[in-house]
């Protein structure tokens, strides 16, 4: 499975209708949609499709046609995300109507092609399940641990200072394992 970390956009024009596809991380989806609706007041449709993993590692999928004929826009857009095995990713297609009706087949092709253009222009990254751990260390080791967290692409969610320093960290399973192995003499896993 793959995902995007940034927003990518591509425009497809068919018979004077514009289909502007925005491929974005699912966490940014609501914000991007609100911005697009505000900045495109003359757009006719805002078609949406997304896929994400919930807390139980189950794939949740959703799509909407936003006024287009049923099944001609949201579902084809979602099918592109499925076919590309994208996860934690949303696509929003802004449509400006050009005056010529495309028919159901034409709409399906137009929305699918617009999403494919955005996906093909995006830099996709391999999705990895994140693992959370708690570690403890002496105060004198904080600087080294902070440096190694950056080196292994590990996020520090929380720091607690008491008799010793406790970090809540999160990263991919291989990165966490390598990090813990390298620092096994400096830190204690809780």
Protein backbone atom coordinates (compact mmCIF):
# COMPACT_ATOMS: atom_id res chain seq x y z
CA UNK A 1 0.00 0.00 0.00
CA UNK A 2 1.08 3.55 -0.69
CA UNK A 3 0.14 7.05 0.47
CA UNK A 4 0.91 10.72 -0.23
CA UNK A 5 2.46 13.21 2.18
CA UNK A 6 1.67 16.37 0.18
CA UNK A 7 -1.16 17.65 -2.00
CA UNK A 8 -0.83 17.14 -5.76
CA UNK A 9 -3.10 18.61 -8.41
CA UNK A 10 -3.78 18.05 -12.11
CA UNK A 11 -6.35 19.52 -14.50
CA UNK A 12 -8.17 17.69 -17.28
CA UNK A 13 -10.27 19.60 -19.82
CA UNK A 14 -12.94 17.80 -21.86
CA UNK A 15 -15.45 19.67 -24.07
CA UNK A 16 -14.92 22.94 -22.15
CA UNK A 17 -15.53 21.21 -18.79
CA UNK A 18 -12.62 21.38 -16.35
CA UNK A 19 -11.89 18.56 -13.91
CA UNK A 20 -9.30 19.67 -11.35
CA UNK A 21 -8.15 16.75 -9.17
CA UNK A 22 -6.49 17.34 -5.79
CA UNK A 23 -4.79 14.30 -4.27
CA UNK A 24 -4.11 14.94 -0.59
CA UNK A 25 -3.31 13.09 2.66
CA UNK A 26 -6.53 12.04 4.41
CA UNK A 27 -5.61 14.09 7.49
CA UNK A 28 -5.73 17.28 5.34
CA UNK A 29 -8.91 16.33 3.46
CA UNK A 30 -11.50 18.44 5.36
CA UNK A 31 -9.28 21.53 5.37
CA UNK A 32 -8.47 21.23 1.65
CA UNK A 33 -12.15 20.67 0.77
CA UNK A 34 -13.22 23.76 2.74
CA UNK A 35 -10.51 25.86 1.06
CA UNK A 36 -11.50 24.63 -2.41
CA UNK A 37 -15.18 25.32 -1.83
CA UNK A 38 -14.35 28.84 -0.70
CA UNK A 39 -11.88 29.61 -3.50
CA UNK A 40 -14.03 28.06 -6.30
CA UNK A 41 -17.52 29.54 -5.79
CA UNK A 42 -18.46 29.03 -9.46
CA UNK A 43 -17.53 25.34 -9.55
CA UNK A 44 -20.50 23.04 -10.15
CA UNK A 45 -19.37 19.90 -8.29
CA UNK A 46 -16.88 18.87 -5.58
CA UNK A 47 -16.59 15.10 -5.96
CA UNK A 48 -14.81 13.30 -3.13
CA UNK A 49 -13.33 9.84 -2.58
CA UNK A 50 -11.03 8.61 0.17
CA UNK A 51 -9.52 5.54 1.80
CA UNK A 52 -7.91 5.38 5.23
CA UNK A 53 -6.99 2.91 7.95
CA UNK A 54 -8.91 3.21 11.21
CA UNK A 55 -7.48 2.39 14.67
CA UNK A 56 -8.19 -1.33 14.09
CA UNK A 57 -6.16 -1.34 10.83
CA UNK A 58 -9.39 -1.71 8.80
CA UNK A 59 -9.74 0.10 5.47
CA UNK A 60 -12.53 2.68 5.50
CA UNK A 61 -13.71 3.93 2.11
CA UNK A 62 -16.10 6.70 1.07
CA UNK A 63 -17.14 8.48 -2.09
CA UNK A 64 -19.79 11.01 -3.11
CA UNK A 65 -21.08 12.12 -6.51
CA UNK A 66 -22.02 15.63 -5.27
CA UNK A 67 -24.91 16.09 -7.69
CA UNK A 68 -23.45 14.23 -10.66
CA UNK A 69 -25.54 11.26 -11.93
CA UNK A 70 -25.29 8.38 -9.45
CA UNK A 71 -22.16 6.25 -9.80
CA UNK A 72 -20.51 8.43 -12.48
CA UNK A 73 -17.94 10.33 -10.43
CA UNK A 74 -17.34 9.32 -6.79
CA UNK A 75 -17.21 5.58 -7.32
CA UNK A 76 -14.87 5.72 -10.36
CA UNK A 77 -12.59 8.07 -8.39
CA UNK A 78 -12.57 5.64 -5.45
CA UNK A 79 -11.83 2.75 -7.81
CA UNK A 80 -8.67 4.54 -9.00
CA UNK A 81 -7.51 4.89 -5.37
CA UNK A 82 -8.25 1.18 -4.84
CA UNK A 83 -6.48 0.16 -8.05
CA UNK A 84 -3.38 2.17 -7.11
CA UNK A 85 -3.52 0.64 -3.58
CA UNK A 86 -3.54 4.09 -1.97
CA UNK A 87 -4.35 4.39 1.73
CA UNK A 88 -4.75 7.38 4.07
CA UNK A 89 -5.35 9.38 0.91
CA UNK A 90 -8.24 11.50 -0.37
CA UNK A 91 -9.03 12.96 -3.77
CA UNK A 92 -11.24 15.97 -4.40
CA UNK A 93 -12.24 16.74 -7.98
CA UNK A 94 -13.51 20.27 -8.65
CA UNK A 95 -15.64 20.38 -11.80
CA UNK A 96 -16.46 23.46 -13.84
CA UNK A 97 -19.28 22.64 -16.30
CA UNK A 98 -18.46 23.71 -19.85
CA UNK A 99 -21.97 23.57 -21.29
CA UNK A 100 -21.75 20.21 -23.07
CA UNK A 101 -23.13 17.11 -21.36
CA UNK A 102 -20.68 14.22 -21.42
CA UNK A 103 -23.10 11.36 -20.71
CA UNK A 104 -22.58 8.75 -18.01
CA UNK A 105 -19.71 6.97 -19.79
CA UNK A 106 -18.00 10.28 -20.52
CA UNK A 107 -18.27 11.35 -16.88
CA UNK A 108 -16.86 8.04 -15.64
CA UNK A 109 -13.88 8.36 -18.00
CA UNK A 110 -13.34 12.05 -17.20
CA UNK A 111 -13.30 11.59 -13.42
CA UNK A 112 -11.15 8.43 -13.62
CA UNK A 113 -8.69 10.13 -15.97
CA UNK A 114 -8.46 13.25 -13.77
CA UNK A 115 -7.69 11.15 -10.68
CA UNK A 116 -5.16 9.05 -12.61
CA UNK A 117 -3.40 12.24 -13.78
CA UNK A 118 -3.10 13.42 -10.16
CA UNK A 119 -1.88 10.01 -8.94
CA UNK A 120 0.70 9.76 -11.73
CA UNK A 121 2.07 13.23 -10.89
CA UNK A 122 2.24 12.51 -7.15
CA UNK A 123 5.24 11.17 -5.28
CA UNK A 124 3.88 8.09 -3.58
CA UNK A 125 5.47 6.60 -0.49
CA UNK A 126 5.22 3.06 0.82
CA UNK A 127 2.79 2.91 3.76
CA UNK A 128 4.18 1.48 6.98
CA UNK A 129 2.27 0.77 10.16
CA UNK A 130 3.54 2.93 13.00
CA UNK A 131 4.59 1.40 16.32
CA UNK A 132 4.47 3.30 19.62
CA UNK A 133 6.92 2.74 22.47
CA UNK A 134 7.87 4.35 25.78
CA UNK A 135 11.54 4.65 26.64
CA UNK A 136 13.38 5.99 29.67
CA UNK A 137 16.90 7.42 29.98
CA UNK A 138 19.15 9.57 32.13
CA UNK A 139 19.08 13.33 31.55
CA UNK A 140 22.60 13.21 30.14
CA UNK A 141 21.44 10.96 27.26
CA UNK A 142 18.61 13.22 25.95
CA UNK A 143 20.67 14.94 23.28
CA UNK A 144 21.92 11.62 21.85
CA UNK A 145 18.41 10.11 21.88
CA UNK A 146 16.94 13.21 20.17
CA UNK A 147 19.62 12.96 17.48
CA UNK A 148 19.02 9.24 16.90
CA UNK A 149 15.25 9.79 16.75
CA UNK A 150 15.81 12.18 13.85
CA UNK A 151 18.26 9.77 12.21
CA UNK A 152 15.75 6.90 12.34
CA UNK A 153 12.72 9.06 11.37
CA UNK A 154 11.06 8.51 14.75
CA UNK A 155 8.59 11.02 16.16
CA UNK A 156 8.73 12.03 19.80
CA UNK A 157 5.09 12.40 20.89
CA UNK A 158 5.71 13.26 24.53
CA UNK A 159 8.53 13.96 26.96
CA UNK A 160 8.15 13.53 30.72
CA UNK A 161 10.83 14.77 33.12
CA UNK A 162 10.94 13.11 36.54
CA UNK A 163 13.71 11.09 38.22
CA UNK A 164 14.57 10.09 34.66
CA UNK A 165 13.38 11.26 31.25
CA UNK A 166 10.54 9.27 29.61
CA UNK A 167 9.74 9.64 25.90
CA UNK A 168 6.70 8.36 24.02
CA UNK A 169 7.97 7.63 20.52
CA UNK A 170 6.39 6.49 17.27
CA UNK A 171 7.86 5.17 14.02
CA UNK A 172 7.83 2.32 11.54
CA UNK A 173 8.47 -1.14 13.01
CA UNK A 174 11.91 -1.62 11.35
CA UNK A 175 13.04 1.88 12.37
CA UNK A 176 11.91 1.38 15.98
CA UNK A 177 13.66 -2.02 16.18
CA UNK A 178 16.94 -0.64 14.76
CA UNK A 179 16.74 2.42 17.03
CA UNK A 180 16.17 0.31 20.16
CA UNK A 181 18.97 -2.08 19.22
CA UNK A 182 21.45 0.76 18.66
CA UNK A 183 20.58 2.52 21.94
CA UNK A 184 20.04 -0.56 24.10
CA UNK A 185 22.79 0.49 26.56
CA UNK A 186 21.49 4.05 26.87
CA UNK A 187 17.72 3.57 27.16
CA UNK A 188 15.24 1.28 28.88
CA UNK A 189 12.06 0.21 27.10
CA UNK A 190 8.99 0.53 29.30
